PDB file of N, CA and C in Angstrom:
ATOM      1  N   LEU A   1      17.395 -20.074 -42.195  1.00  0.00           N
ATOM      2  CA  LEU A   1      17.239 -18.576 -41.503  1.00  0.00           C
ATOM      3  C   LEU A   1      16.667 -17.252 -41.721  1.00  0.00           C
ATOM      4  N   GLU A   2      16.668 -17.436 -43.096  1.00  0.00           N
ATOM      5  CA  GLU A   2      15.639 -16.114 -43.636  1.00  0.00           C
ATOM      6  C   GLU A   2      14.257 -16.421 -43.247  1.00  0.00           C
ATOM      7  N   LEU A   3      13.792 -17.402 -42.826  1.00  0.00           N
ATOM      8  CA  LEU A   3      12.294 -17.438 -42.503  1.00  0.00           C
ATOM      9  C   LEU A   3      12.200 -16.896 -40.981  1.00  0.00           C
ATOM     10  N   LYS A   4      13.368 -17.438 -39.863  1.00  0.00           N
ATOM     11  CA  LYS A   4      13.575 -17.136 -38.517  1.00  0.00           C
ATOM     12  C   LYS A   4      13.529 -15.680 -38.896  1.00  0.00           C
ATOM     13  N   LEU A   5      14.377 -14.926 -39.092  1.00  0.00           N
ATOM     14  CA  LEU A   5      14.799 -13.318 -39.480  1.00  0.00           C
ATOM     15  C   LEU A   5      13.753 -13.100 -39.439  1.00  0.00           C
ATOM     16  N   ARG A   6      12.821 -13.258 -40.266  1.00  0.00           N
ATOM     17  CA  ARG A   6      11.368 -12.551 -41.270  1.00  0.00           C
ATOM     18  C   ARG A   6      10.495 -12.247 -39.802  1.00  0.00           C
ATOM     19  N   HIS A   7      10.702 -13.380 -39.411  1.00  0.00           N
ATOM     20  CA  HIS A   7       9.894 -13.699 -38.193  1.00  0.00           C
ATOM     21  C   HIS A   7       9.759 -13.232 -36.872  1.00  0.00           C
ATOM     22  N   SER A   8      11.101 -13.053 -37.007  1.00  0.00           N
ATOM     23  CA  SER A   8      11.830 -12.107 -35.493  1.00  0.00           C
ATOM     24  C   SER A   8      11.716 -10.726 -35.615  1.00  0.00           C
ATOM     25  N   MET A   9      11.384 -10.219 -36.858  1.00  0.00           N
ATOM     26  CA  MET A   9      11.268  -8.695 -37.470  1.00  0.00           C
ATOM     27  C   MET A   9      10.278  -8.256 -37.134  1.00  0.00           C
ATOM     28  N   GLN A  10       9.121  -9.374 -37.559  1.00  0.00           N
ATOM     29  CA  GLN A  10       7.634  -9.201 -37.378  1.00  0.00           C
ATOM     30  C   GLN A  10       7.176  -9.019 -35.682  1.00  0.00           C
ATOM     31  N   ASN A  11       8.013  -9.924 -35.387  1.00  0.00           N
ATOM     32  CA  ASN A  11       7.460  -9.812 -33.743  1.00  0.00           C
ATOM     33  C   ASN A  11       8.242  -8.835 -33.231  1.00  0.00           C
ATOM     34  N   ARG A  12       9.682  -7.637 -33.574  1.00  0.00           N
ATOM     35  CA  ARG A  12       9.836  -6.904 -33.023  1.00  0.00           C
ATOM     36  C   ARG A  12       9.149  -5.593 -33.109  1.00  0.00           C
ATOM     37  N   GLU A  13       7.995  -6.010 -34.826  1.00  0.00           N
ATOM     38  CA  GLU A  13       7.363  -4.705 -35.179  1.00  0.00           C
ATOM     39  C   GLU A  13       6.258  -4.590 -34.464  1.00  0.00           C
ATOM     40  N   ILE A  14       5.345  -6.058 -34.175  1.00  0.00           N
ATOM     41  CA  ILE A  14       4.689  -6.370 -33.437  1.00  0.00           C
ATOM     42  C   ILE A  14       5.094  -5.658 -31.694  1.00  0.00           C
ATOM     43  N   VAL A  15       6.086  -5.742 -31.433  1.00  0.00           N
ATOM     44  CA  VAL A  15       6.280  -5.329 -29.588  1.00  0.00           C
ATOM     45  C   VAL A  15       6.461  -3.553 -29.668  1.00  0.00           C
ATOM     46  N   MET A  16       7.239  -3.576 -31.230  1.00  0.00           N
ATOM     47  CA  MET A  16       7.227  -1.897 -30.862  1.00  0.00           C
ATOM     48  C   MET A  16       5.343  -0.855 -31.608  1.00  0.00           C
ATOM     49  N   LEU A  17       4.434  -1.539 -31.937  1.00  0.00           N
ATOM     50  CA  LEU A  17       3.541  -1.114 -32.228  1.00  0.00           C
ATOM     51  C   LEU A  17       2.652  -1.049 -31.155  1.00  0.00           C
ATOM     52  N   MET A  18       2.965  -2.283 -30.327  1.00  0.00           N
ATOM     53  CA  MET A  18       2.426  -2.108 -28.525  1.00  0.00           C
ATOM     54  C   MET A  18       2.775  -1.279 -28.225  1.00  0.00           C
ATOM     55  N   GLU A  19       4.228  -1.184 -27.724  1.00  0.00           N
ATOM     56  CA  GLU A  19       4.656  -0.426 -26.821  1.00  0.00           C
ATOM     57  C   GLU A  19       4.013   1.155 -27.504  1.00  0.00           C
ATOM     58  N   LEU A  20       3.782   1.527 -28.783  1.00  0.00           N
ATOM     59  CA  LEU A  20       3.153   2.970 -29.430  1.00  0.00           C
ATOM     60  C   LEU A  20       1.769   2.674 -28.900  1.00  0.00           C
ATOM     61  N   SER A  21       1.306   1.883 -28.759  1.00  0.00           N
ATOM     62  CA  SER A  21      -0.231   1.991 -28.751  1.00  0.00           C
ATOM     63  C   SER A  21      -0.501   2.225 -27.356  1.00  0.00           C
ATOM     64  N   LYS A  22       0.068   1.822 -26.306  1.00  0.00           N
ATOM     65  CA  LYS A  22       0.331   2.039 -24.526  1.00  0.00           C
ATOM     66  C   LYS A  22       0.557   3.538 -24.670  1.00  0.00           C
ATOM     67  N   THR A  23       1.999   4.252 -24.963  1.00  0.00           N
ATOM     68  CA  THR A  23       2.081   5.405 -24.963  1.00  0.00           C
ATOM     69  C   THR A  23       0.764   6.097 -25.561  1.00  0.00           C
ATOM     70  N   LEU A  24       0.180   5.899 -26.790  1.00  0.00           N
ATOM     71  CA  LEU A  24      -0.505   6.862 -27.193  1.00  0.00           C
ATOM     72  C   LEU A  24      -2.111   6.408 -25.896  1.00  0.00           C
ATOM     73  N   VAL A  25      -2.327   5.033 -25.490  1.00  0.00           N
ATOM     74  CA  VAL A  25      -3.387   5.627 -24.479  1.00  0.00           C
ATOM     75  C   VAL A  25      -2.925   6.555 -23.215  1.00  0.00           C
ATOM     76  N   TYR A  26      -1.709   6.349 -22.785  1.00  0.00           N
ATOM     77  CA  TYR A  26      -1.285   7.286 -21.779  1.00  0.00           C
ATOM     78  C   TYR A  26      -1.449   9.492 -22.342  1.00  0.00           C
ATOM     79  N   PHE A  27      -0.657   9.228 -23.540  1.00  0.00           N
ATOM     80  CA  PHE A  27      -1.333  10.971 -23.890  1.00  0.00           C
ATOM     81  C   PHE A  27      -2.805  10.876 -23.966  1.00  0.00           C
ATOM     82  N   THR A  28      -3.735   9.994 -24.628  1.00  0.00           N
ATOM     83  CA  THR A  28      -5.010  10.381 -24.632  1.00  0.00           C
ATOM     84  C   THR A  28      -5.339  10.557 -23.311  1.00  0.00           C
ATOM     85  N   THR A  29      -5.394   9.959 -22.550  1.00  0.00           N
ATOM     86  CA  THR A  29      -5.659   9.926 -21.156  1.00  0.00           C
ATOM     87  C   THR A  29      -5.567  11.100 -20.548  1.00  0.00           C
ATOM     88  N   SER A  30      -4.239  11.739 -20.732  1.00  0.00           N
ATOM     89  CA  SER A  30      -4.084  12.857 -20.241  1.00  0.00           C
ATOM     90  C   SER A  30      -4.293  14.143 -20.754  1.00  0.00           C
ATOM     91  N   LEU A  31      -4.519  13.979 -22.065  1.00  0.00           N
ATOM     92  CA  LEU A  31      -5.195  14.942 -22.572  1.00  0.00           C
ATOM     93  C   LEU A  31      -6.866  15.108 -21.868  1.00  0.00           C
ATOM     94  N   LYS A  32      -7.749  14.216 -22.061  1.00  0.00           N
ATOM     95  CA  LYS A  32      -8.825  14.025 -21.233  1.00  0.00           C
ATOM     96  C   LYS A  32      -8.593  14.914 -20.010  1.00  0.00           C
ATOM     97  N   SER A  33      -7.590  14.281 -19.350  1.00  0.00           N
ATOM     98  CA  SER A  33      -7.821  15.039 -17.875  1.00  0.00           C
ATOM     99  C   SER A  33      -7.105  16.714 -17.974  1.00  0.00           C
ATOM    100  N   ASN A  34      -6.156  16.927 -18.975  1.00  0.00           N
ATOM    101  CA  ASN A  34      -6.057  18.064 -19.101  1.00  0.00           C
ATOM    102  C   ASN A  34      -7.453  19.324 -19.419  1.00  0.00           C
ATOM    103  N   GLU A  35      -8.086  18.434 -20.227  1.00  0.00           N
ATOM    104  CA  GLU A  35      -9.532  19.140 -20.661  1.00  0.00           C
ATOM    105  C   GLU A  35     -10.685  19.557 -19.585  1.00  0.00           C
ATOM    106  N   ILE A  36     -10.629  18.464 -19.052  1.00  0.00           N
ATOM    107  CA  ILE A  36     -11.035  18.293 -17.668  1.00  0.00           C
ATOM    108  C   ILE A  36     -10.749  19.496 -16.368  1.00  0.00           C
ATOM    109  N   VAL A  37      -9.792  19.805 -16.164  1.00  0.00           N
ATOM    110  CA  VAL A  37      -9.105  20.843 -15.501  1.00  0.00           C
ATOM    111  C   VAL A  37      -9.280  22.151 -15.731  1.00  0.00           C
ATOM    112  N   MET A  38      -8.986  22.105 -17.720  1.00  0.00           N
ATOM    113  CA  MET A  38      -9.206  23.983 -17.795  1.00  0.00           C
ATOM    114  C   MET A  38     -10.635  23.826 -17.977  1.00  0.00           C
ATOM    115  N   GLU A  39     -11.862  23.037 -18.120  1.00  0.00           N
ATOM    116  CA  GLU A  39     -13.026  23.584 -18.097  1.00  0.00           C
ATOM    117  C   GLU A  39     -13.002  24.280 -16.563  1.00  0.00           C
ATOM    118  N   LYS A  40     -12.700  23.288 -15.839  1.00  0.00           N
ATOM    119  CA  LYS A  40     -12.883  23.544 -14.202  1.00  0.00           C
ATOM    120  C   LYS A  40     -12.319  25.312 -14.128  1.00  0.00           C
ATOM    121  N   LEU A  41     -11.082  25.257 -14.236  1.00  0.00           N
ATOM    122  CA  LEU A  41     -10.129  26.576 -14.510  1.00  0.00           C
ATOM    123  C   LEU A  41     -11.108  27.782 -14.873  1.00  0.00           C
ATOM    124  N   THR A  42     -11.978  27.654 -16.209  1.00  0.00           N
ATOM    125  CA  THR A  42     -12.133  28.458 -16.709  1.00  0.00           C
ATOM    126  C   THR A  42     -13.649  28.726 -16.225  1.00  0.00           C
ATOM    127  N   THR A  43     -14.255  27.757 -15.623  1.00  0.00           N
ATOM    128  CA  THR A  43     -15.394  28.370 -14.757  1.00  0.00           C
ATOM    129  C   THR A  43     -15.119  29.012 -13.564  1.00  0.00           C
ATOM    130  N   LEU A  44     -13.792  29.290 -12.843  1.00  0.00           N
ATOM    131  CA  LEU A  44     -14.278  29.693 -11.917  1.00  0.00           C
ATOM    132  C   LEU A  44     -13.819  31.347 -12.053  1.00  0.00           C
ATOM    133  N   SER A  45     -14.793  32.290 -11.311  1.00  0.00           N
ATOM    134  CA  SER A  45     -14.835  33.540 -11.779  1.00  0.00           C
ATOM    135  C   SER A  45     -13.417  34.041 -11.031  1.00  0.00           C
ATOM    136  N   ARG A  46     -12.708  34.366 -10.448  1.00  0.00           N
ATOM    137  CA  ARG A  46     -11.378  34.782 -10.027  1.00  0.00           C
ATOM    138  C   ARG A  46     -10.634  34.590 -10.934  1.00  0.00           C
ATOM    139  N   ILE A  47     -10.701  33.958 -12.400  1.00  0.00           N
ATOM    140  CA  ILE A  47      -9.513  33.966 -12.976  1.00  0.00           C
ATOM    141  C   ILE A  47     -10.315  34.888 -13.997  1.00  0.00           C
ATOM    142  N   LYS A  48      -9.543  36.298 -14.495  1.00  0.00           N
ATOM    143  CA  LYS A  48      -9.180  36.726 -15.170  1.00  0.00           C
ATOM    144  C   LYS A  48      -9.742  36.209 -16.785  1.00  0.00           C
ATOM    145  N   GLN A  49     -10.422  36.336 -17.687  1.00  0.00           N
ATOM    146  CA  GLN A  49     -10.657  35.952 -19.109  1.00  0.00           C
ATOM    147  C   GLN A  49     -10.721  37.183 -19.888  1.00  0.00           C
ATOM    148  N   TYR A  50      -9.756  37.193 -20.876  1.00  0.00           N
ATOM    149  CA  TYR A  50      -9.660  37.919 -22.169  1.00  0.00           C
ATOM    150  C   TYR A  50     -11.054  38.035 -23.032  1.00  0.00           C
ATOM    151  N   PRO A  51     -11.023  38.794 -23.819  1.00  0.00           N
ATOM    152  CA  PRO A  51     -12.547  38.547 -24.502  1.00  0.00           C
ATOM    153  C   PRO A  51     -12.090  37.144 -25.792  1.00  0.00           C
ATOM    154  N   ASP A  52     -11.067  37.293 -26.138  1.00  0.00           N
ATOM    155  CA  ASP A  52     -10.283  35.965 -26.901  1.00  0.00           C
ATOM    156  C   ASP A  52     -10.676  34.816 -26.740  1.00  0.00           C
ATOM    157  N   ASP A  53     -10.741  34.350 -25.175  1.00  0.00           N
ATOM    158  CA  ASP A  53     -10.874  33.172 -24.656  1.00  0.00           C
ATOM    159  C   ASP A  53     -12.128  32.632 -24.366  1.00  0.00           C
ATOM    160  N   GLU A  54     -13.168  33.402 -24.512  1.00  0.00           N
ATOM    161  CA  GLU A  54     -14.158  33.123 -24.459  1.00  0.00           C
ATOM    162  C   GLU A  54     -15.369  32.128 -25.431  1.00  0.00           C
ATOM    163  N   ASP A  55     -14.264  32.244 -26.495  1.00  0.00           N
ATOM    164  CA  ASP A  55     -14.794  30.788 -27.899  1.00  0.00           C
ATOM    165  C   ASP A  55     -14.395  29.385 -27.328  1.00  0.00           C
TER     166      ASP A  55
END
């Protein structure tokens, strides 16, 4: 019974890690997309830029 319980706990941990991994992939993908959008926005001359924004 103890071995089954340990095996079951390990499976749950693996499933949790897989879910976390998927979440991190979505998060990373959205950050990359946001970076592209921000780069495009900063190149538009219609947007006023402050001196601090030029970094």
